[in-house]
Amino acid sequence: MNPAEHAHSAVLAGAGRAVLADAGRAGPAGTGRAMSFGAIAGEYDRLRSGPPDEAVGWLVPPRCGLAVDLAAGTGLLARALAARAGEVLAVEPDARMGSVLRATSGPVRLVAGRGEALPLRDAVADGVFISSAWHWMDPERAAPEIARVLRDGGRFGLIWTSRDREVAWVREVDGLRQPAPAAGTAPPAGRRHRVISLPDGIPFGAGQTASFTFTRAMSTEDFVGMIGTYSRVITAPEPDRAATLDRVRAALADRFPGAAELEVPMRSVCWRADRLAR
């Protein structure tokens, strides 16, 4: 065993590939919205935005040795973490997303796993970070697991990077992802998945939040394609999916006639807290 392999085995729980496979078995691939992204993994990686360096710098603590990217997807966050941590371990339950991560993310190591059963030993990570996936996890089970694998003082960080819905045209176009509510009914709920609620007794200090804005140049058609990478659209019946993308395409043509490229306002919303001493 070379030194790098020994270092990896020192942080992973259990012995051998079978343990890692069991840890990542969260149900049949492609079942439900949480596992829908693997069906379009390549497009997801191409069309979704990674976080800005400013936001990653705010999340990652100084002298971060091992950073864990939990629910790493295709590695959009993992690749950014690699510039600020000594080592990045990506944990992802969907092999389809993981195959893209392996092809695009250089030195990042990938293991199968999920937040509710992390395949890591106790107190080995300097940071555990989750990009746009906390709302898919059970906090009653995932939060204790994250606390378990973090060293004292280690950082738990969450980030959501998406279109800036505080900009009027972005908010209007985003609303086209689902049909208008029927007369007399309430509109769809807002960004509820960004509410951070940890179980009582979880050993973290006070949480802090920050927000970072930036712009991203995208072709008009790529913007339409990006809308198609969200779970409600991915899992919709094909006629409904096509109708949604047509509505978005028409709205952009109306607002930006003849535009082949857009400067898309983006925002990363971040939350962080440090693990208290044992």
C-alpha atoms as a PDB file:
ATOM      1  CA  MET A   1       0.000   0.000   0.000  1.00  0.00           C
ATOM      2  CA  ASN A   2       1.454   3.355  -0.997  1.00  0.00           C
ATOM      3  CA  PRO A   3       1.275   6.361   1.395  1.00  0.00           C
ATOM      4  CA  ALA A   4      -1.701   7.932  -0.403  1.00  0.00           C
ATOM      5  CA  GLU A   5      -3.708   4.698  -0.207  1.00  0.00           C
ATOM      6  CA  HIS A   6      -2.822   4.350   3.474  1.00  0.00           C
ATOM      7  CA  ALA A   7      -4.034   7.908   4.155  1.00  0.00           C
ATOM      8  CA  HIS A   8      -7.355   7.151   2.473  1.00  0.00           C
ATOM      9  CA  SER A   9      -7.849   3.921   4.418  1.00  0.00           C
ATOM     10  CA  ALA A  10      -7.206   5.792   7.657  1.00  0.00           C
ATOM     11  CA  VAL A  11     -10.270   7.995   7.149  1.00  0.00           C
ATOM     12  CA  LEU A  12     -12.708   5.527   5.592  1.00  0.00           C
ATOM     13  CA  ALA A  13     -14.852   3.357   7.829  1.00  0.00           C
ATOM     14  CA  GLY A  14     -14.877  -0.394   7.403  1.00  0.00           C
ATOM     15  CA  ALA A  15     -12.633  -2.463   5.185  1.00  0.00           C
ATOM     16  CA  GLY A  16     -13.031  -2.899   1.469  1.00  0.00           C
ATOM     17  CA  ARG A  17     -15.327  -1.853  -1.316  1.00  0.00           C
ATOM     18  CA  ALA A  18     -18.333  -3.771  -0.024  1.00  0.00           C
ATOM     19  CA  VAL A  19     -18.653  -1.489   3.016  1.00  0.00           C
ATOM     20  CA  LEU A  20     -18.567   1.602   0.829  1.00  0.00           C
ATOM     21  CA  ALA A  21     -21.164   0.194  -1.525  1.00  0.00           C
ATOM     22  CA  ASP A  22     -23.521  -0.590   1.376  1.00  0.00           C
ATOM     23  CA  ALA A  23     -23.053   2.892   2.809  1.00  0.00           C
ATOM     24  CA  GLY A  24     -24.142   4.434  -0.461  1.00  0.00           C
ATOM     25  CA  ARG A  25     -27.188   2.288  -1.130  1.00  0.00           C
ATOM     26  CA  ALA A  26     -29.983   4.819  -0.745  1.00  0.00           C
ATOM     27  CA  GLY A  27     -32.476   3.083  -3.000  1.00  0.00           C
ATOM     28  CA  PRO A  28     -32.652   2.210  -6.702  1.00  0.00           C
ATOM     29  CA  ALA A  29     -30.818   4.704  -8.902  1.00  0.00           C
ATOM     30  CA  GLY A  30     -33.235   7.152 -10.466  1.00  0.00           C
ATOM     31  CA  THR A  31     -35.989   6.644  -7.871  1.00  0.00           C
ATOM     32  CA  GLY A  32     -37.657   9.911  -6.881  1.00  0.00           C
ATOM     33  CA  ARG A  33     -36.600  13.502  -7.377  1.00  0.00           C
ATOM     34  CA  ALA A  34     -33.525  13.241  -5.154  1.00  0.00           C
ATOM     35  CA  MET A  35     -31.968  10.682  -7.508  1.00  0.00           C
ATOM     36  CA  SER A  36     -33.280  12.177 -10.757  1.00  0.00           C
ATOM     37  CA  PHE A  37     -30.163  14.182 -11.623  1.00  0.00           C
ATOM     38  CA  GLY A  38     -28.116  11.174 -12.650  1.00  0.00           C
ATOM     39  CA  ALA A  39     -30.317  10.774 -15.726  1.00  0.00           C
ATOM     40  CA  ILE A  40     -28.825  14.018 -17.087  1.00  0.00           C
ATOM     41  CA  ALA A  41     -25.464  13.976 -15.306  1.00  0.00           C
ATOM     42  CA  GLY A  42     -23.443  15.321 -18.234  1.00  0.00           C
ATOM     43  CA  GLU A  43     -25.828  18.194 -18.881  1.00  0.00           C
ATOM     44  CA  TYR A  44     -26.011  18.923 -15.160  1.00  0.00           C
ATOM     45  CA  ASP A  45     -22.242  19.341 -15.009  1.00  0.00           C
ATOM     46  CA  ARG A  46     -22.142  21.486 -18.147  1.00  0.00           C
ATOM     47  CA  LEU A  47     -25.077  23.762 -17.396  1.00  0.00           C
ATOM     48  CA  ARG A  48     -25.129  24.185 -13.610  1.00  0.00           C
ATOM     49  CA  SER A  49     -22.778  26.747 -12.103  1.00  0.00           C
ATOM     50  CA  GLY A  50     -20.004  26.049  -9.656  1.00  0.00           C
ATOM     51  CA  PRO A  51     -19.610  28.434  -6.706  1.00  0.00           C
ATOM     52  CA  PRO A  52     -17.534  31.620  -6.923  1.00  0.00           C
ATOM     53  CA  ASP A  53     -14.127  31.495  -5.250  1.00  0.00           C
ATOM     54  CA  GLU A  54     -15.206  34.211  -2.816  1.00  0.00           C
ATOM     55  CA  ALA A  55     -17.985  32.010  -1.438  1.00  0.00           C
ATOM     56  CA  VAL A  56     -15.746  28.948  -1.147  1.00  0.00           C
ATOM     57  CA  GLY A  57     -13.167  31.034   0.690  1.00  0.00           C
ATOM     58  CA  TRP A  58     -15.810  32.108   3.196  1.00  0.00           C
ATOM     59  CA  LEU A  59     -16.913  28.511   3.783  1.00  0.00           C
ATOM     60  CA  VAL A  60     -13.568  26.715   4.086  1.00  0.00           C
ATOM     61  CA  PRO A  61     -11.597  27.195   7.318  1.00  0.00           C
ATOM     62  CA  PRO A  62      -7.888  28.076   7.271  1.00  0.00           C
ATOM     63  CA  ARG A  63      -5.470  25.147   7.056  1.00  0.00           C
ATOM     64  CA  CYS A  64      -8.173  22.739   5.940  1.00  0.00           C
ATOM     65  CA  GLY A  65      -6.564  19.324   5.535  1.00  0.00           C
ATOM     66  CA  LEU A  66      -9.401  16.960   4.575  1.00  0.00           C
ATOM     67  CA  ALA A  67     -12.548  18.483   3.085  1.00  0.00           C
ATOM     68  CA  VAL A  68     -15.548  16.239   2.459  1.00  0.00           C
ATOM     69  CA  ASP A  69     -17.957  17.193  -0.320  1.00  0.00           C
ATOM     70  CA  LEU A  70     -21.147  15.414   0.705  1.00  0.00           C
ATOM     71  CA  ALA A  71     -23.696  14.640  -2.027  1.00  0.00           C
ATOM     72  CA  ALA A  72     -20.984  15.796  -4.395  1.00  0.00           C
ATOM     73  CA  GLY A  73     -22.908  15.224  -7.602  1.00  0.00           C
ATOM     74  CA  THR A  74     -20.649  15.792 -10.604  1.00  0.00           C
ATOM     75  CA  GLY A  75     -18.023  17.636  -8.550  1.00  0.00           C
ATOM     76  CA  LEU A  76     -18.886  21.302  -9.098  1.00  0.00           C
ATOM     77  CA  LEU A  77     -18.093  22.114  -5.469  1.00  0.00           C
ATOM     78  CA  ALA A  78     -15.393  19.453  -5.066  1.00  0.00           C
ATOM     79  CA  ARG A  79     -13.292  21.035  -7.809  1.00  0.00           C
ATOM     80  CA  ALA A  80     -13.506  24.400  -6.069  1.00  0.00           C
ATOM     81  CA  LEU A  81     -12.642  22.855  -2.685  1.00  0.00           C
ATOM     82  CA  ALA A  82      -9.526  21.265  -4.189  1.00  0.00           C
ATOM     83  CA  ALA A  83      -7.948  24.710  -4.516  1.00  0.00           C
ATOM     84  CA  ARG A  84      -8.344  25.378  -0.763  1.00  0.00           C
ATOM     85  CA  ALA A  85      -7.959  22.022   0.989  1.00  0.00           C
ATOM     86  CA  GLY A  86      -5.102  19.580   1.215  1.00  0.00           C
ATOM     87  CA  GLU A  87      -7.366  16.700   0.168  1.00  0.00           C
ATOM     88  CA  VAL A  88     -10.966  16.451  -1.037  1.00  0.00           C
ATOM     89  CA  LEU A  89     -13.093  13.360  -0.548  1.00  0.00           C
ATOM     90  CA  ALA A  90     -16.342  13.349  -2.509  1.00  0.00           C
ATOM     91  CA  VAL A  91     -19.230  11.280  -1.147  1.00  0.00           C
ATOM     92  CA  GLU A  92     -22.012  10.596  -3.667  1.00  0.00           C
ATOM     93  CA  PRO A  93     -24.767   7.936  -3.794  1.00  0.00           C
ATOM     94  CA  ASP A  94     -25.458   8.030  -7.548  1.00  0.00           C
ATOM     95  CA  ALA A  95     -22.914   6.209  -9.723  1.00  0.00           C
ATOM     96  CA  ARG A  96     -24.072   8.149 -12.799  1.00  0.00           C
ATOM     97  CA  MET A  97     -23.160  11.468 -11.212  1.00  0.00           C
ATOM     98  CA  GLY A  98     -20.000   9.920  -9.807  1.00  0.00           C
ATOM     99  CA  SER A  99     -18.814   8.806 -13.236  1.00  0.00           C
ATOM    100  CA  VAL A 100     -18.857  12.427 -14.429  1.00  0.00           C
ATOM    101  CA  LEU A 101     -17.063  13.527 -11.254  1.00  0.00           C
ATOM    102  CA  ARG A 102     -14.294  10.983 -11.853  1.00  0.00           C
ATOM    103  CA  ALA A 103     -13.841  12.234 -15.409  1.00  0.00           C
ATOM    104  CA  THR A 104     -13.741  15.930 -14.530  1.00  0.00           C
ATOM    105  CA  SER A 105     -12.375  16.367 -11.038  1.00  0.00           C
ATOM    106  CA  GLY A 106      -8.713  15.410 -11.123  1.00  0.00           C
ATOM    107  CA  PRO A 107      -7.298  14.541  -7.690  1.00  0.00           C
ATOM    108  CA  VAL A 108     -10.675  14.399  -5.913  1.00  0.00           C
ATOM    109  CA  ARG A 109     -11.294  10.921  -4.443  1.00  0.00           C
ATOM    110  CA  LEU A 110     -14.822   9.545  -4.773  1.00  0.00           C
ATOM    111  CA  VAL A 111     -16.583   7.052  -2.489  1.00  0.00           C
ATOM    112  CA  ALA A 112     -20.175   5.854  -2.455  1.00  0.00           C
ATOM    113  CA  GLY A 113     -22.157   7.112   0.498  1.00  0.00           C
ATOM    114  CA  ARG A 114     -24.899   9.350   1.793  1.00  0.00           C
ATOM    115  CA  GLY A 115     -25.315  11.873   4.554  1.00  0.00           C
ATOM    116  CA  GLU A 116     -27.272   9.578   6.835  1.00  0.00           C
ATOM    117  CA  ALA A 117     -24.517   6.914   6.871  1.00  0.00           C
ATOM    118  CA  LEU A 118     -21.148   8.462   6.126  1.00  0.00           C
ATOM    119  CA  PRO A 119     -18.428   5.914   5.241  1.00  0.00           C
ATOM    120  CA  LEU A 120     -15.787   7.764   7.300  1.00  0.00           C
ATOM    121  CA  ARG A 121     -14.173   7.172  10.653  1.00  0.00           C
ATOM    122  CA  ASP A 122     -14.785   9.443  13.644  1.00  0.00           C
ATOM    123  CA  ALA A 123     -13.111  12.868  13.836  1.00  0.00           C
ATOM    124  CA  VAL A 124     -11.175  12.712  10.551  1.00  0.00           C
ATOM    125  CA  ALA A 125     -12.462  15.708   8.541  1.00  0.00           C
ATOM    126  CA  ASP A 126     -11.628  19.384   8.844  1.00  0.00           C
ATOM    127  CA  GLY A 127     -14.725  20.317   6.884  1.00  0.00           C
ATOM    128  CA  VAL A 128     -17.934  18.773   5.555  1.00  0.00           C
ATOM    129  CA  PHE A 129     -19.601  20.781   2.805  1.00  0.00           C
ATOM    130  CA  ILE A 130     -22.870  20.306   0.947  1.00  0.00           C
ATOM    131  CA  SER A 131     -23.877  22.101  -2.239  1.00  0.00           C
ATOM    132  CA  SER A 132     -27.606  22.340  -3.021  1.00  0.00           C
ATOM    133  CA  ALA A 133     -28.416  18.993  -1.405  1.00  0.00           C
ATOM    134  CA  TRP A 134     -29.126  19.510   2.307  1.00  0.00           C
ATOM    135  CA  HIS A 135     -32.866  19.552   1.610  1.00  0.00           C
ATOM    136  CA  TRP A 136     -32.639  15.992   0.251  1.00  0.00           C
ATOM    137  CA  MET A 137     -31.246  14.674   3.552  1.00  0.00           C
ATOM    138  CA  ASP A 138     -32.860  13.708   6.844  1.00  0.00           C
ATOM    139  CA  PRO A 139     -31.311  16.207   9.306  1.00  0.00           C
ATOM    140  CA  GLU A 140     -32.147  13.983  12.292  1.00  0.00           C
ATOM    141  CA  ARG A 141     -29.755  11.355  10.903  1.00  0.00           C
ATOM    142  CA  ALA A 142     -27.347  13.376   8.755  1.00  0.00           C
ATOM    143  CA  ALA A 143     -26.451  16.075  11.308  1.00  0.00           C
ATOM    144  CA  PRO A 144     -25.140  13.591  13.928  1.00  0.00           C
ATOM    145  CA  GLU A 145     -23.143  11.818  11.213  1.00  0.00           C
ATOM    146  CA  ILE A 146     -21.548  15.074  10.118  1.00  0.00           C
ATOM    147  CA  ALA A 147     -20.712  15.951  13.724  1.00  0.00           C
ATOM    148  CA  ARG A 148     -19.229  12.468  14.195  1.00  0.00           C
ATOM    149  CA  VAL A 149     -16.758  12.687  11.308  1.00  0.00           C
ATOM    150  CA  LEU A 150     -15.664  16.270  11.990  1.00  0.00           C
ATOM    151  CA  ARG A 151     -12.660  17.024  14.157  1.00  0.00           C
ATOM    152  CA  ASP A 152     -13.186  19.442  17.049  1.00  0.00           C
ATOM    153  CA  GLY A 153     -13.447  22.903  15.515  1.00  0.00           C
ATOM    154  CA  GLY A 154     -14.173  21.415  12.076  1.00  0.00           C
ATOM    155  CA  ARG A 155     -16.449  23.303   9.728  1.00  0.00           C
ATOM    156  CA  PHE A 156     -19.921  22.300   8.537  1.00  0.00           C
ATOM    157  CA  GLY A 157     -20.822  24.385   5.503  1.00  0.00           C
ATOM    158  CA  LEU A 158     -23.816  24.615   3.181  1.00  0.00           C
ATOM    159  CA  ILE A 159     -24.055  26.468  -0.104  1.00  0.00           C
ATOM    160  CA  TRP A 160     -26.732  26.989  -2.726  1.00  0.00           C
ATOM    161  CA  THR A 161     -25.587  28.471  -6.037  1.00  0.00           C
ATOM    162  CA  SER A 162     -28.247  29.371  -8.548  1.00  0.00           C
ATOM    163  CA  ARG A 163     -29.853  32.164 -10.522  1.00  0.00           C
ATOM    164  CA  ASP A 164     -30.344  35.314  -8.450  1.00  0.00           C
ATOM    165  CA  ARG A 165     -34.084  35.358  -7.887  1.00  0.00           C
ATOM    166  CA  GLU A 166     -33.836  38.793  -6.290  1.00  0.00           C
ATOM    167  CA  VAL A 167     -33.499  40.121  -9.860  1.00  0.00           C
ATOM    168  CA  ALA A 168     -36.980  40.655 -11.299  1.00  0.00           C
ATOM    169  CA  TRP A 169     -36.566  39.020 -14.715  1.00  0.00           C
ATOM    170  CA  VAL A 170     -34.856  35.985 -13.223  1.00  0.00           C
ATOM    171  CA  ARG A 171     -37.651  35.578 -10.680  1.00  0.00           C
ATOM    172  CA  GLU A 172     -40.297  35.875 -13.417  1.00  0.00           C
ATOM    173  CA  VAL A 173     -38.620  33.300 -15.654  1.00  0.00           C
ATOM    174  CA  ASP A 174     -38.023  30.977 -12.724  1.00  0.00           C
ATOM    175  CA  GLY A 175     -41.744  31.009 -11.997  1.00  0.00           C
ATOM    176  CA  LEU A 176     -42.346  29.428 -15.399  1.00  0.00           C
ATOM    177  CA  ARG A 177     -40.897  26.122 -14.188  1.00  0.00           C
ATOM    178  CA  GLN A 178     -44.345  25.185 -12.928  1.00  0.00           C
ATOM    179  CA  PRO A 179     -47.875  26.065 -14.040  1.00  0.00           C
ATOM    180  CA  ALA A 180     -49.510  29.116 -12.505  1.00  0.00           C
ATOM    181  CA  PRO A 181     -51.578  28.286  -9.392  1.00  0.00           C
ATOM    182  CA  ALA A 182     -55.289  27.869  -9.896  1.00  0.00           C
ATOM    183  CA  ALA A 183     -57.516  30.807  -9.036  1.00  0.00           C
ATOM    184  CA  GLY A 184     -58.003  31.125  -5.302  1.00  0.00           C
ATOM    185  CA  THR A 185     -54.947  29.037  -4.381  1.00  0.00           C
ATOM    186  CA  ALA A 186     -51.689  30.205  -2.872  1.00  0.00           C
ATOM    187  CA  PRO A 187     -48.584  30.529  -5.059  1.00  0.00           C
ATOM    188  CA  PRO A 188     -45.798  27.963  -4.628  1.00  0.00           C
ATOM    189  CA  ALA A 189     -43.733  28.301  -1.456  1.00  0.00           C
ATOM    190  CA  GLY A 190     -40.433  30.176  -1.549  1.00  0.00           C
ATOM    191  CA  ARG A 191     -36.948  28.901  -0.833  1.00  0.00           C
ATOM    192  CA  ARG A 192     -37.933  26.675   2.092  1.00  0.00           C
ATOM    193  CA  HIS A 193     -35.084  24.267   1.428  1.00  0.00           C
ATOM    194  CA  ARG A 194     -32.629  26.955   2.532  1.00  0.00           C
ATOM    195  CA  VAL A 195     -33.986  26.962   6.069  1.00  0.00           C
ATOM    196  CA  ILE A 196     -31.332  25.391   8.324  1.00  0.00           C
ATOM    197  CA  SER A 197     -32.784  23.515  11.268  1.00  0.00           C
ATOM    198  CA  LEU A 198     -30.485  21.160  13.189  1.00  0.00           C
ATOM    199  CA  PRO A 199     -31.746  18.668  15.771  1.00  0.00           C
ATOM    200  CA  ASP A 200     -31.457  19.629  19.431  1.00  0.00           C
ATOM    201  CA  GLY A 201     -28.170  18.737  21.068  1.00  0.00           C
ATOM    202  CA  ILE A 202     -26.079  18.653  17.889  1.00  0.00           C
ATOM    203  CA  PRO A 203     -22.619  19.993  18.854  1.00  0.00           C
ATOM    204  CA  PHE A 204     -22.244  23.023  16.608  1.00  0.00           C
ATOM    205  CA  GLY A 205     -21.694  26.652  17.464  1.00  0.00           C
ATOM    206  CA  ALA A 206     -23.857  29.476  16.191  1.00  0.00           C
ATOM    207  CA  GLY A 207     -24.468  29.430  12.463  1.00  0.00           C
ATOM    208  CA  GLN A 208     -23.428  32.303  10.219  1.00  0.00           C
ATOM    209  CA  THR A 209     -24.753  33.225   6.787  1.00  0.00           C
ATOM    210  CA  ALA A 210     -23.393  35.129   3.817  1.00  0.00           C
ATOM    211  CA  SER A 211     -24.443  35.775   0.240  1.00  0.00           C
ATOM    212  CA  PHE A 212     -22.272  36.335  -2.832  1.00  0.00           C
ATOM    213  CA  THR A 213     -23.453  37.611  -6.203  1.00  0.00           C
ATOM    214  CA  PHE A 214     -21.805  37.230  -9.587  1.00  0.00           C
ATOM    215  CA  THR A 215     -22.772  37.004 -13.254  1.00  0.00           C
ATOM    216  CA  ARG A 216     -22.425  34.158 -15.690  1.00  0.00           C
ATOM    217  CA  ALA A 217     -22.393  34.466 -19.470  1.00  0.00           C
ATOM    218  CA  MET A 218     -24.639  31.821 -21.030  1.00  0.00           C
ATOM    219  CA  SER A 219     -26.123  31.281 -24.440  1.00  0.00           C
ATOM    220  CA  THR A 220     -29.888  31.704 -24.426  1.00  0.00           C
ATOM    221  CA  GLU A 221     -30.365  28.036 -25.275  1.00  0.00           C
ATOM    222  CA  ASP A 222     -28.008  26.939 -22.491  1.00  0.00           C
ATOM    223  CA  PHE A 223     -30.053  29.002 -20.041  1.00  0.00           C
ATOM    224  CA  VAL A 224     -33.164  27.154 -21.194  1.00  0.00           C
ATOM    225  CA  GLY A 225     -31.277  23.881 -20.837  1.00  0.00           C
ATOM    226  CA  MET A 226     -30.225  24.810 -17.300  1.00  0.00           C
ATOM    227  CA  ILE A 227     -33.883  25.148 -16.303  1.00  0.00           C
ATOM    228  CA  GLY A 228     -34.257  21.566 -17.488  1.00  0.00           C
ATOM    229  CA  THR A 229     -31.710  20.339 -14.928  1.00  0.00           C
ATOM    230  CA  TYR A 230     -34.020  20.871 -11.921  1.00  0.00           C
ATOM    231  CA  SER A 231     -35.780  17.888 -10.437  1.00  0.00           C
ATOM    232  CA  ARG A 232     -39.365  19.030 -11.004  1.00  0.00           C
ATOM    233  CA  VAL A 233     -38.619  19.467 -14.702  1.00  0.00           C
ATOM    234  CA  ILE A 234     -36.507  16.301 -15.030  1.00  0.00           C
ATOM    235  CA  THR A 235     -39.247  14.141 -13.514  1.00  0.00           C
ATOM    236  CA  ALA A 236     -42.170  15.782 -15.310  1.00  0.00           C
ATOM    237  CA  PRO A 237     -43.916  13.884 -18.127  1.00  0.00           C
ATOM    238  CA  GLU A 238     -42.184  14.684 -21.404  1.00  0.00           C
ATOM    239  CA  PRO A 239     -45.027  16.881 -22.782  1.00  0.00           C
ATOM    240  CA  ASP A 240     -44.997  18.945 -19.566  1.00  0.00           C
ATOM    241  CA  ARG A 241     -41.188  19.191 -19.609  1.00  0.00           C
ATOM    242  CA  ALA A 242     -41.209  20.385 -23.232  1.00  0.00           C
ATOM    243  CA  ALA A 243     -43.976  22.896 -22.495  1.00  0.00           C
ATOM    244  CA  THR A 244     -42.018  24.313 -19.538  1.00  0.00           C
ATOM    245  CA  LEU A 245     -38.882  24.829 -21.609  1.00  0.00           C
ATOM    246  CA  ASP A 246     -40.925  26.374 -24.426  1.00  0.00           C
ATOM    247  CA  ARG A 247     -42.437  28.869 -21.954  1.00  0.00           C
ATOM    248  CA  VAL A 248     -38.974  29.834 -20.741  1.00  0.00           C
ATOM    249  CA  ARG A 249     -37.662  30.130 -24.312  1.00  0.00           C
ATOM    250  CA  ALA A 250     -40.585  32.369 -25.301  1.00  0.00           C
ATOM    251  CA  ALA A 251     -40.191  34.578 -22.212  1.00  0.00           C
ATOM    252  CA  LEU A 252     -36.502  35.132 -22.959  1.00  0.00           C
ATOM    253  CA  ALA A 253     -37.241  35.949 -26.597  1.00  0.00           C
ATOM    254  CA  ASP A 254     -39.826  38.485 -25.443  1.00  0.00           C
ATOM    255  CA  ARG A 255     -37.532  40.138 -22.893  1.00  0.00           C
ATOM    256  CA  PHE A 256     -34.260  39.877 -24.822  1.00  0.00           C
ATOM    257  CA  PRO A 257     -35.281  39.864 -28.494  1.00  0.00           C
ATOM    258  CA  GLY A 258     -32.571  38.501 -30.766  1.00  0.00           C
ATOM    259  CA  ALA A 259     -30.114  37.879 -27.905  1.00  0.00           C
ATOM    260  CA  ALA A 260     -27.842  34.889 -28.447  1.00  0.00           C
ATOM    261  CA  GLU A 261     -26.135  35.289 -25.052  1.00  0.00           C
ATOM    262  CA  LEU A 262     -27.253  36.451 -21.632  1.00  0.00           C
ATOM    263  CA  GLU A 263     -25.416  37.845 -18.615  1.00  0.00           C
ATOM    264  CA  VAL A 264     -27.203  35.821 -15.964  1.00  0.00           C
ATOM    265  CA  PRO A 265     -27.258  37.215 -12.418  1.00  0.00           C
ATOM    266  CA  MET A 266     -26.206  34.483  -9.994  1.00  0.00           C
ATOM    267  CA  ARG A 267     -26.103  34.181  -6.221  1.00  0.00           C
ATOM    268  CA  SER A 268     -24.431  31.806  -3.769  1.00  0.00           C
ATOM    269  CA  VAL A 269     -26.175  31.651  -0.387  1.00  0.00           C
ATOM    270  CA  CYS A 270     -23.914  30.169   2.305  1.00  0.00           C
ATOM    271  CA  TRP A 271     -24.235  28.934   5.871  1.00  0.00           C
ATOM    272  CA  ARG A 272     -21.481  27.695   8.188  1.00  0.00           C
ATOM    273  CA  ALA A 273     -21.001  26.496  11.763  1.00  0.00           C
ATOM    274  CA  ASP A 274     -18.056  24.938  13.595  1.00  0.00           C
ATOM    275  CA  ARG A 275     -18.091  21.735  15.607  1.00  0.00           C
ATOM    276  CA  LEU A 276     -17.790  22.202  19.358  1.00  0.00           C
ATOM    277  CA  ALA A 277     -15.094  20.344  21.299  1.00  0.00           C
ATOM    278  CA  ARG A 278     -15.919  16.830  22.458  1.00  0.00           C
END
